[in-house]
């Protein structure tokens, strides 16, 4: 559901004599007046952050909306608003906020990350990969590189995805989801022995979950090891569902387009 923008305003009346002849503010008064909106923005942002941390996202969103209305030169406020709108299930509103941030500061990496995330969520992998390629190195987080790698996988750039996931893994070597992502990128680049080896190290971890076993099963099937794929014990998966996934996984090698193959893998892995 698209969240409605908060219509109210808490802008103070700072210049009561603005339209009256002869009423001119002195420099100290002008400086004090200029500081008030900034101070209120800071207060609103702090309150919104605290409220958001308590789980009151709707109230926090309204405060972020008010702060953004007051700001024409602080991109970070608009990024926070975009993040709040994304959290509230309003990707269109989030995109608008991220674009507003980039109009203020075209180099705002967090705004680029947010915009790329919206594009990725919509399925525009090529556009997402383009903007995330700039955002990820600047933000330098596991999440940013994983998003970049995902966008590259879905746009058919297996080697580029491998590089992105490898950078994410360098930041957090024990992240099983990143290791799985890297293995899938290797599989899409037809590096199937490497992919199988990577997934074997994932599923032997005591932290491995159902999705990791499913991906291992898919990669083994892509490698032609149907017996090994059938032997994988996927936690909490009925035998008939496992058989359906294996049947579809066996057809993945016949999909020549890397992007379409990546999409097919994603659908199977989420089953």
Protein backbone atom coordinates (compact mmCIF):
# COMPACT_ATOMS: atom_id res chain seq x y z
CA UNK A 1 0.00 0.00 0.00
CA UNK A 2 1.34 3.41 -0.92
CA UNK A 3 1.85 5.57 2.13
CA UNK A 4 0.30 9.06 2.02
CA UNK A 5 2.63 11.99 2.51
CA UNK A 6 2.20 13.88 5.77
CA UNK A 7 0.38 17.06 4.84
CA UNK A 8 1.11 19.14 7.90
CA UNK A 9 4.01 21.50 8.42
CA UNK A 10 5.85 22.68 11.51
CA UNK A 11 7.73 25.45 9.77
CA UNK A 12 7.80 28.38 12.20
CA UNK A 13 6.78 31.87 11.15
CA UNK A 14 10.24 33.41 11.20
CA UNK A 15 9.69 36.66 9.32
CA UNK A 16 6.49 38.30 10.50
CA UNK A 17 7.44 41.61 8.93
CA UNK A 18 8.66 40.21 5.60
CA UNK A 19 6.02 42.01 3.53
CA UNK A 20 6.00 45.21 5.58
CA UNK A 21 8.05 48.19 4.40
CA UNK A 22 10.87 49.15 6.71
CA UNK A 23 11.05 45.86 8.64
CA UNK A 24 14.53 44.50 7.88
CA UNK A 25 16.23 41.80 9.94
CA UNK A 26 19.70 42.49 11.23
CA UNK A 27 22.51 40.06 10.33
CA UNK A 28 22.43 38.34 13.76
CA UNK A 29 18.67 37.90 13.48
CA UNK A 30 19.05 36.50 9.97
CA UNK A 31 21.68 34.04 11.19
CA UNK A 32 19.46 32.92 14.06
CA UNK A 33 16.51 32.51 11.71
CA UNK A 34 18.58 30.47 9.27
CA UNK A 35 19.62 28.08 12.03
CA UNK A 36 16.14 27.28 13.30
CA UNK A 37 14.99 25.03 10.44
CA UNK A 38 18.28 23.13 10.54
CA UNK A 39 17.90 22.59 14.28
CA UNK A 40 14.34 21.38 13.84
CA UNK A 41 15.39 19.03 11.05
CA UNK A 42 18.04 17.54 13.33
CA UNK A 43 15.55 17.11 16.13
CA UNK A 44 13.00 15.51 13.84
CA UNK A 45 15.59 13.12 12.41
CA UNK A 46 16.75 12.08 15.89
CA UNK A 47 13.19 11.53 17.12
CA UNK A 48 12.28 9.63 13.94
CA UNK A 49 15.32 7.38 14.30
CA UNK A 50 14.52 6.62 17.94
CA UNK A 51 10.87 5.92 17.17
CA UNK A 52 11.78 3.74 14.19
CA UNK A 53 14.09 1.70 16.43
CA UNK A 54 11.11 1.00 18.68
CA UNK A 55 9.13 -0.41 15.76
CA UNK A 56 6.80 2.54 15.27
CA UNK A 57 7.63 2.85 11.58
CA UNK A 58 4.45 4.71 10.62
CA UNK A 59 5.10 7.53 13.06
CA UNK A 60 8.77 7.62 12.08
CA UNK A 61 7.81 7.90 8.40
CA UNK A 62 5.61 10.93 9.12
CA UNK A 63 8.52 12.65 10.87
CA UNK A 64 10.91 11.85 8.02
CA UNK A 65 8.33 13.34 5.63
CA UNK A 66 8.23 16.57 7.65
CA UNK A 67 12.02 16.81 7.85
CA UNK A 68 12.32 16.30 4.07
CA UNK A 69 9.75 19.02 3.41
CA UNK A 70 11.97 21.42 5.34
CA UNK A 71 15.19 20.43 3.58
CA UNK A 72 16.30 21.48 0.13
CA UNK A 73 20.04 20.97 0.60
CA UNK A 74 20.57 17.83 2.75
CA UNK A 75 20.51 14.65 0.70
CA UNK A 76 20.83 12.39 3.75
CA UNK A 77 17.37 13.41 4.98
CA UNK A 78 15.83 12.35 1.68
CA UNK A 79 17.76 9.06 1.79
CA UNK A 80 16.34 8.35 5.26
CA UNK A 81 12.88 9.14 3.92
CA UNK A 82 13.45 6.77 1.00
CA UNK A 83 14.55 4.01 3.36
CA UNK A 84 11.47 4.56 5.52
CA UNK A 85 9.18 4.43 2.49
CA UNK A 86 10.82 1.20 1.31
CA UNK A 87 10.31 -0.27 4.76
CA UNK A 88 6.67 0.80 4.57
CA UNK A 89 6.16 -0.96 1.23
CA UNK A 90 6.15 2.14 -0.97
CA UNK A 91 8.89 1.63 -3.60
CA UNK A 92 7.50 4.38 -5.84
CA UNK A 93 7.69 6.89 -3.01
CA UNK A 94 11.13 5.59 -2.07
CA UNK A 95 12.39 6.11 -5.62
CA UNK A 96 11.12 9.68 -5.57
CA UNK A 97 12.98 10.35 -2.31
CA UNK A 98 16.23 8.79 -3.58
CA UNK A 99 16.02 10.83 -6.78
CA UNK A 100 15.47 13.98 -4.73
CA UNK A 101 18.60 13.13 -2.75
CA UNK A 102 20.61 12.66 -5.95
CA UNK A 103 19.38 15.99 -7.30
CA UNK A 104 20.86 17.59 -4.19
CA UNK A 105 24.03 15.51 -4.21
CA UNK A 106 24.68 13.35 -7.31
CA UNK A 107 27.52 11.63 -5.44
CA UNK A 108 25.41 10.41 -2.50
CA UNK A 109 26.30 6.71 -2.48
CA UNK A 110 23.47 5.74 -0.13
CA UNK A 111 20.95 7.39 -2.44
CA UNK A 112 22.42 5.44 -5.37
CA UNK A 113 22.24 2.24 -3.32
CA UNK A 114 18.60 2.92 -2.50
CA UNK A 115 17.68 3.68 -6.11
CA UNK A 116 19.52 0.58 -7.33
CA UNK A 117 17.68 -1.51 -4.75
CA UNK A 118 14.31 -0.24 -6.02
CA UNK A 119 15.30 -1.04 -9.60
CA UNK A 120 16.44 -4.52 -8.58
CA UNK A 121 13.20 -5.15 -6.73
CA UNK A 122 11.25 -4.16 -9.85
CA UNK A 123 13.22 -6.57 -12.00
CA UNK A 124 15.21 -3.97 -13.94
CA UNK A 125 18.49 -5.78 -13.35
CA UNK A 126 20.48 -3.94 -16.02
CA UNK A 127 19.67 -0.49 -14.63
CA UNK A 128 20.25 -1.74 -11.09
CA UNK A 129 23.66 -3.19 -11.96
CA UNK A 130 24.70 0.08 -13.59
CA UNK A 131 24.00 2.25 -10.55
CA UNK A 132 25.00 -0.33 -7.93
CA UNK A 133 28.40 -0.68 -9.63
CA UNK A 134 29.10 2.87 -8.45
CA UNK A 135 27.30 2.63 -5.10
CA UNK A 136 28.72 -0.65 -3.79
CA UNK A 137 32.43 0.32 -3.69
CA UNK A 138 31.54 3.65 -2.08
CA UNK A 139 29.28 2.13 0.59
CA UNK A 140 31.53 -0.95 0.92
CA UNK A 141 29.13 -3.24 2.79
CA UNK A 142 28.26 -6.91 2.40
CA UNK A 143 24.67 -6.01 1.56
CA UNK A 144 25.67 -3.54 -1.15
CA UNK A 145 28.01 -5.99 -2.89
CA UNK A 146 25.43 -8.79 -2.64
CA UNK A 147 22.85 -6.54 -4.30
CA UNK A 148 25.34 -5.65 -7.03
CA UNK A 149 26.16 -9.32 -7.57
CA UNK A 150 22.49 -10.25 -7.73
CA UNK A 151 21.82 -7.53 -10.30
CA UNK A 152 24.76 -8.76 -12.37
CA UNK A 153 23.60 -12.38 -12.16
CA UNK A 154 20.10 -11.45 -13.29
CA UNK A 155 21.47 -9.34 -16.14
CA UNK A 156 23.59 -12.26 -17.33
CA UNK A 157 27.02 -11.04 -16.17
CA UNK A 158 28.35 -14.12 -14.38
CA UNK A 159 32.01 -13.02 -14.10
CA UNK A 160 30.97 -9.57 -12.83
CA UNK A 161 28.71 -11.22 -10.27
CA UNK A 162 31.56 -13.46 -9.11
CA UNK A 163 33.69 -10.38 -8.50
CA UNK A 164 30.96 -8.62 -6.54
CA UNK A 165 30.20 -11.64 -4.35
CA UNK A 166 33.93 -12.20 -3.75
CA UNK A 167 34.20 -8.64 -2.42
CA UNK A 168 31.21 -9.23 -0.15
CA UNK A 169 32.82 -12.43 1.10
CA UNK A 170 36.09 -10.62 1.79
CA UNK A 171 34.19 -8.29 4.12
CA UNK A 172 32.44 -11.17 5.93
CA UNK A 173 34.12 -14.51 5.16
CA UNK A 174 31.66 -16.61 7.17
CA UNK A 175 28.48 -15.39 5.47
CA UNK A 176 26.79 -18.53 4.10
CA UNK A 177 24.36 -16.62 1.89
CA UNK A 178 27.23 -14.80 0.20
CA UNK A 179 29.10 -18.08 -0.31
CA UNK A 180 25.95 -19.52 -1.88
CA UNK A 181 25.58 -16.48 -4.13
CA UNK A 182 29.17 -16.87 -5.27
CA UNK A 183 28.61 -20.56 -6.01
CA UNK A 184 25.54 -19.77 -8.11
CA UNK A 185 27.50 -17.14 -10.05
CA UNK A 186 30.24 -19.72 -10.66
CA UNK A 187 27.63 -22.18 -11.89
CA UNK A 188 26.24 -19.62 -14.31
CA UNK A 189 29.77 -19.11 -15.64
CA UNK A 190 29.99 -22.90 -16.14
CA UNK A 191 32.56 -23.24 -13.35
CA UNK A 192 30.55 -26.14 -11.98
CA UNK A 193 33.33 -27.97 -10.06
CA UNK A 194 34.18 -24.72 -8.26
CA UNK A 195 30.49 -24.10 -7.56
CA UNK A 196 30.02 -27.61 -6.12
CA UNK A 197 33.11 -27.23 -3.95
CA UNK A 198 31.91 -23.85 -2.67
CA UNK A 199 28.47 -25.26 -1.79
CA UNK A 200 29.95 -28.29 -0.07
CA UNK A 201 31.67 -25.95 2.38
CA UNK A 202 28.34 -24.21 2.95
CA UNK A 203 26.18 -27.24 3.71
CA UNK A 204 28.77 -28.74 6.08
CA UNK A 205 28.40 -25.70 8.31
CA UNK A 206 26.21 -26.17 11.41
CA UNK A 207 24.52 -22.89 10.43
CA UNK A 208 23.34 -24.17 7.03
CA UNK A 209 19.60 -23.78 6.41
CA UNK A 210 17.06 -25.26 4.00
CA UNK A 211 17.77 -22.74 1.20
CA UNK A 212 21.47 -23.62 1.22
CA UNK A 213 20.75 -27.35 0.73
CA UNK A 214 18.30 -26.55 -2.08
CA UNK A 215 20.92 -24.50 -3.90
CA UNK A 216 23.50 -27.26 -3.46
CA UNK A 217 21.04 -29.75 -4.92
CA UNK A 218 20.42 -27.46 -7.91
CA UNK A 219 24.14 -26.94 -8.57
CA UNK A 220 24.87 -30.68 -8.39
CA UNK A 221 22.04 -31.29 -10.84
CA UNK A 222 23.45 -28.63 -13.19
CA UNK A 223 26.83 -30.38 -12.93
CA UNK A 224 25.25 -33.62 -14.16
CA UNK A 225 25.58 -35.32 -10.78
CA UNK A 226 21.93 -36.36 -10.52
CA UNK A 227 22.71 -39.11 -8.02
CA UNK A 228 24.52 -36.69 -5.74
CA UNK A 229 21.66 -34.19 -6.05
CA UNK A 230 19.10 -36.85 -5.08
CA UNK A 231 21.22 -37.85 -2.11
CA UNK A 232 21.05 -34.37 -0.56
CA UNK A 233 18.86 -34.43 2.52
CA UNK A 234 16.99 -31.12 2.41
CA UNK A 235 15.57 -30.24 5.85
CA UNK A 236 11.77 -30.04 6.07
CA UNK A 237 11.20 -30.78 2.38
CA UNK A 238 8.65 -33.42 1.32
CA UNK A 239 9.90 -36.02 -1.17
CA UNK A 240 7.45 -34.96 -3.87
CA UNK A 241 8.59 -31.32 -3.69
CA UNK A 242 12.21 -32.40 -3.88
CA UNK A 243 11.44 -34.52 -6.97
CA UNK A 244 9.75 -31.56 -8.66
CA UNK A 245 12.77 -29.32 -8.03
CA UNK A 246 15.17 -31.97 -9.33
CA UNK A 247 13.13 -32.43 -12.49
CA UNK A 248 13.21 -28.70 -13.22
CA UNK A 249 16.87 -28.38 -12.23
CA UNK A 250 17.80 -31.03 -14.78
CA UNK A 251 16.49 -28.74 -17.52
CA UNK A 252 18.60 -25.73 -16.46
CA UNK A 253 21.56 -26.72 -18.62
CA UNK A 254 19.39 -26.44 -21.72
CA UNK A 255 18.74 -22.74 -21.02
CA UNK A 256 21.42 -20.94 -23.03
CA UNK A 257 20.71 -17.35 -21.98
CA UNK A 258 22.58 -16.70 -18.68
CA UNK A 259 20.03 -14.15 -17.44
CA UNK A 260 17.09 -16.50 -18.05
CA UNK A 261 19.00 -19.34 -16.42
CA UNK A 262 19.68 -17.15 -13.39
CA UNK A 263 16.01 -16.29 -13.11
CA UNK A 264 15.08 -19.97 -13.35
CA UNK A 265 17.58 -20.83 -10.60
CA UNK A 266 16.16 -18.09 -8.40
CA UNK A 267 12.64 -19.45 -8.80
CA UNK A 268 13.76 -22.97 -7.99
CA UNK A 269 15.83 -21.91 -4.99
CA UNK A 270 12.88 -20.08 -3.49
CA UNK A 271 10.59 -23.10 -3.81
